[in-house]
Protein backbone atom coordinates (compact mmCIF):
# COMPACT_ATOMS: atom_id res chain seq x y z
CA UNK A 1 8.05 -10.41 -14.96
CA UNK A 2 4.28 -10.09 -14.90
CA UNK A 3 2.11 -7.92 -12.65
CA UNK A 4 -1.38 -9.31 -12.08
CA UNK A 5 -4.24 -9.36 -9.60
CA UNK A 6 -3.87 -11.82 -6.76
CA UNK A 7 -5.89 -15.01 -6.85
CA UNK A 8 -7.08 -17.06 -3.85
CA UNK A 9 -4.24 -19.52 -4.51
CA UNK A 10 -1.69 -16.71 -3.93
CA UNK A 11 -2.55 -16.03 -0.27
CA UNK A 12 0.12 -18.26 1.32
CA UNK A 13 2.87 -17.05 -1.04
CA UNK A 14 1.89 -13.41 -0.41
CA UNK A 15 2.09 -13.98 3.33
CA UNK A 16 5.52 -15.64 3.06
CA UNK A 17 6.97 -12.93 0.83
CA UNK A 18 5.57 -10.20 3.10
CA UNK A 19 7.21 -11.78 6.15
CA UNK A 20 10.52 -12.08 4.29
CA UNK A 21 10.36 -8.53 2.92
CA UNK A 22 9.96 -6.95 6.36
CA UNK A 23 12.05 -9.39 8.43
CA UNK A 24 15.11 -7.12 8.63
CA UNK A 25 13.22 -3.82 8.58
CA UNK A 26 13.83 -1.67 11.65
CA UNK A 27 10.81 0.56 10.91
CA UNK A 28 8.37 -2.37 10.80
CA UNK A 29 6.11 -3.71 13.53
CA UNK A 30 6.35 -7.06 11.69
CA UNK A 31 2.56 -7.30 11.44
CA UNK A 32 2.27 -6.56 7.71
CA UNK A 33 1.31 -10.15 6.85
CA UNK A 34 -1.48 -10.03 9.45
CA UNK A 35 -2.73 -6.75 7.99
CA UNK A 36 -2.95 -8.21 4.48
CA UNK A 37 -4.67 -11.33 5.80
CA UNK A 38 -7.19 -9.23 7.79
CA UNK A 39 -7.88 -6.92 4.82
CA UNK A 40 -8.52 -9.95 2.62
CA UNK A 41 -10.80 -11.57 5.24
CA UNK A 42 -12.77 -8.32 5.57
CA UNK A 43 -13.03 -8.05 1.77
CA UNK A 44 -11.41 -4.63 2.13
CA UNK A 45 -8.75 -4.94 -0.55
CA UNK A 46 -9.42 -2.39 -3.27
CA UNK A 47 -6.46 -3.81 -5.19
CA UNK A 48 -4.06 -6.62 -4.42
CA UNK A 49 -1.40 -7.02 -7.10
CA UNK A 50 1.46 -9.47 -7.32
CA UNK A 51 4.70 -9.49 -9.27
CA UNK A 52 5.35 -12.93 -10.69
CA UNK A 53 8.62 -14.19 -12.13
CA UNK A 54 8.86 -17.69 -13.63
CA UNK A 55 5.74 -18.80 -11.76
CA UNK A 56 6.91 -17.53 -8.35
CA UNK A 57 5.64 -14.47 -6.53
CA UNK A 58 8.40 -11.95 -5.84
CA UNK A 59 6.37 -8.86 -4.91
CA UNK A 60 2.98 -7.68 -3.68
CA UNK A 61 1.10 -4.44 -3.08
CA UNK A 62 -2.20 -3.92 -1.26
CA UNK A 63 -4.56 -0.96 -1.43
CA UNK A 64 -7.60 -0.43 0.77
CA UNK A 65 -10.13 2.33 1.43
CA UNK A 66 -9.39 4.97 4.06
CA UNK A 67 -11.76 7.39 5.75
CA UNK A 68 -11.01 11.08 6.09
CA UNK A 69 -12.57 13.31 8.73
CA UNK A 70 -13.59 15.96 6.17
CA UNK A 71 -15.90 13.39 4.56
CA UNK A 72 -13.89 13.08 1.35
CA UNK A 73 -14.78 9.91 -0.54
CA UNK A 74 -12.77 7.71 -2.88
CA UNK A 75 -9.45 7.80 -1.03
CA UNK A 76 -7.33 4.69 -0.55
CA UNK A 77 -4.27 3.69 1.43
CA UNK A 78 -1.37 1.99 -0.27
CA UNK A 79 0.42 -0.63 1.74
CA UNK A 80 1.94 -2.77 2.58
CA UNK A 81 4.14 -3.15 -0.45
CA UNK A 82 6.56 -6.07 -0.31
CA UNK A 83 9.38 -7.42 -2.45
CA UNK A 84 11.42 -10.50 -1.58
CA UNK A 85 14.83 -9.36 -0.30
CA UNK A 86 16.77 -11.13 -3.08
CA UNK A 87 14.60 -9.33 -5.67
CA UNK A 88 14.86 -5.84 -4.17
CA UNK A 89 16.58 -3.02 -6.06
CA UNK A 90 15.52 -4.47 -9.43
CA UNK A 91 12.59 -2.14 -10.06
CA UNK A 92 9.87 -4.52 -8.89
CA UNK A 93 8.53 -2.13 -6.25
CA UNK A 94 8.53 0.66 -8.81
CA UNK A 95 6.57 -1.46 -11.29
CA UNK A 96 4.08 -2.48 -8.61
CA UNK A 97 3.63 1.18 -7.61
CA UNK A 98 3.06 2.34 -11.19
CA UNK A 99 0.54 -0.41 -11.91
CA UNK A 100 -1.31 0.09 -8.60
CA UNK A 101 -1.61 3.84 -9.14
CA UNK A 102 -2.66 3.38 -12.78
CA UNK A 103 -5.42 0.96 -11.81
CA UNK A 104 -6.53 3.06 -8.84
CA UNK A 105 -6.71 6.20 -10.99
CA UNK A 106 -8.64 4.31 -13.71
CA UNK A 107 -11.16 3.12 -11.11
CA UNK A 108 -12.18 6.72 -10.44
CA UNK A 109 -10.50 7.00 -7.05
CA UNK A 110 -9.97 10.51 -5.68
CA UNK A 111 -6.50 9.83 -4.35
CA UNK A 112 -4.11 7.70 -2.37
CA UNK A 113 -2.26 8.04 0.92
CA UNK A 114 0.66 6.10 2.32
CA UNK A 115 3.08 5.94 5.18
CA UNK A 116 6.62 5.50 3.92
CA UNK A 117 10.04 6.79 3.00
CA UNK A 118 9.75 10.14 1.19
CA UNK A 119 12.90 9.46 -0.82
CA UNK A 120 11.17 6.54 -2.54
CA UNK A 121 7.55 7.67 -2.80
CA UNK A 122 7.96 11.28 -3.93
CA UNK A 123 9.06 10.00 -7.35
CA UNK A 124 5.50 8.78 -7.87
CA UNK A 125 4.01 12.18 -7.07
CA UNK A 126 3.35 11.65 -3.37
CA UNK A 127 3.93 14.67 -1.17
CA UNK A 128 3.28 15.81 2.35
CA UNK A 129 0.07 17.82 2.70
CA UNK A 130 -0.08 19.72 5.98
CA UNK A 131 -3.89 19.62 6.05
CA UNK A 132 -4.01 15.82 5.74
CA UNK A 133 -2.71 13.95 8.78
CA UNK A 134 -2.36 10.48 10.17
CA UNK A 135 -2.48 10.85 13.97
CA UNK A 136 0.58 9.77 15.97
CA UNK A 137 2.79 9.49 12.89
CA UNK A 138 5.73 11.75 11.99
CA UNK A 139 4.26 14.08 9.33
CA UNK A 140 7.25 13.77 6.99
CA UNK A 141 6.43 10.09 6.39
CA UNK A 142 2.71 10.46 5.69
CA UNK A 143 2.08 11.48 2.09
CA UNK A 144 -0.78 11.80 -0.35
CA UNK A 145 -1.38 11.86 -4.08
CA UNK A 146 -4.61 13.49 -5.27
CA UNK A 147 -5.84 12.32 -8.67
CA UNK A 148 -7.96 15.45 -9.10
CA UNK A 149 -7.19 19.09 -8.50
CA UNK A 150 -7.71 19.13 -4.74
CA UNK A 151 -6.32 17.12 -1.88
CA UNK A 152 -8.57 16.05 0.97
CA UNK A 153 -7.95 17.55 4.38
CA UNK A 154 -8.42 16.20 7.86
CA UNK A 155 -7.48 13.16 9.84
CA UNK A 156 -7.05 9.87 7.98
CA UNK A 157 -8.12 6.53 9.40
CA UNK A 158 -7.07 3.23 7.86
CA UNK A 159 -9.26 0.13 7.90
CA UNK A 160 -9.35 -1.62 11.33
CA UNK A 161 -7.36 -4.49 9.73
CA UNK A 162 -4.28 -2.31 10.17
CA UNK A 163 -4.50 -3.07 13.89
CA UNK A 164 -4.13 -6.82 13.29
CA UNK A 165 -1.34 -8.44 15.29
CA UNK A 166 -2.00 -12.11 14.62
């Protein structure tokens, strides 16, 4: 399996695998494919990586800038991250996470936030930070990973593409 940056030719396959990955998810609003499409159209993807196996895309992760009310710069949101259902539980999501965080850190980013299952994301160093919040979200599921010594504090706002519904 190979992890690489998305190309323009990957857009349709990324959309299809994102739909499939979240189709049975009870915690999903089923708009993830629209979010990725809107981020791409707005040129707001900091990173968009795909996992490719034998010429087919089996996973994808998107990262985009976030704003924080304390004025902290260089923070990004991770998500959505998608793996085709038949390829889940094979370490593809883990490999995508490691590569995304490695590239984000190398770019000089200050840190990364995400909304997700603590049991999965804490293994990558993500943790809840009481001073960093995403409004209207259960705090246990909103986590951050600072690449420097200090975590930002305040209210986080994702790119407007995260409101996409079509």
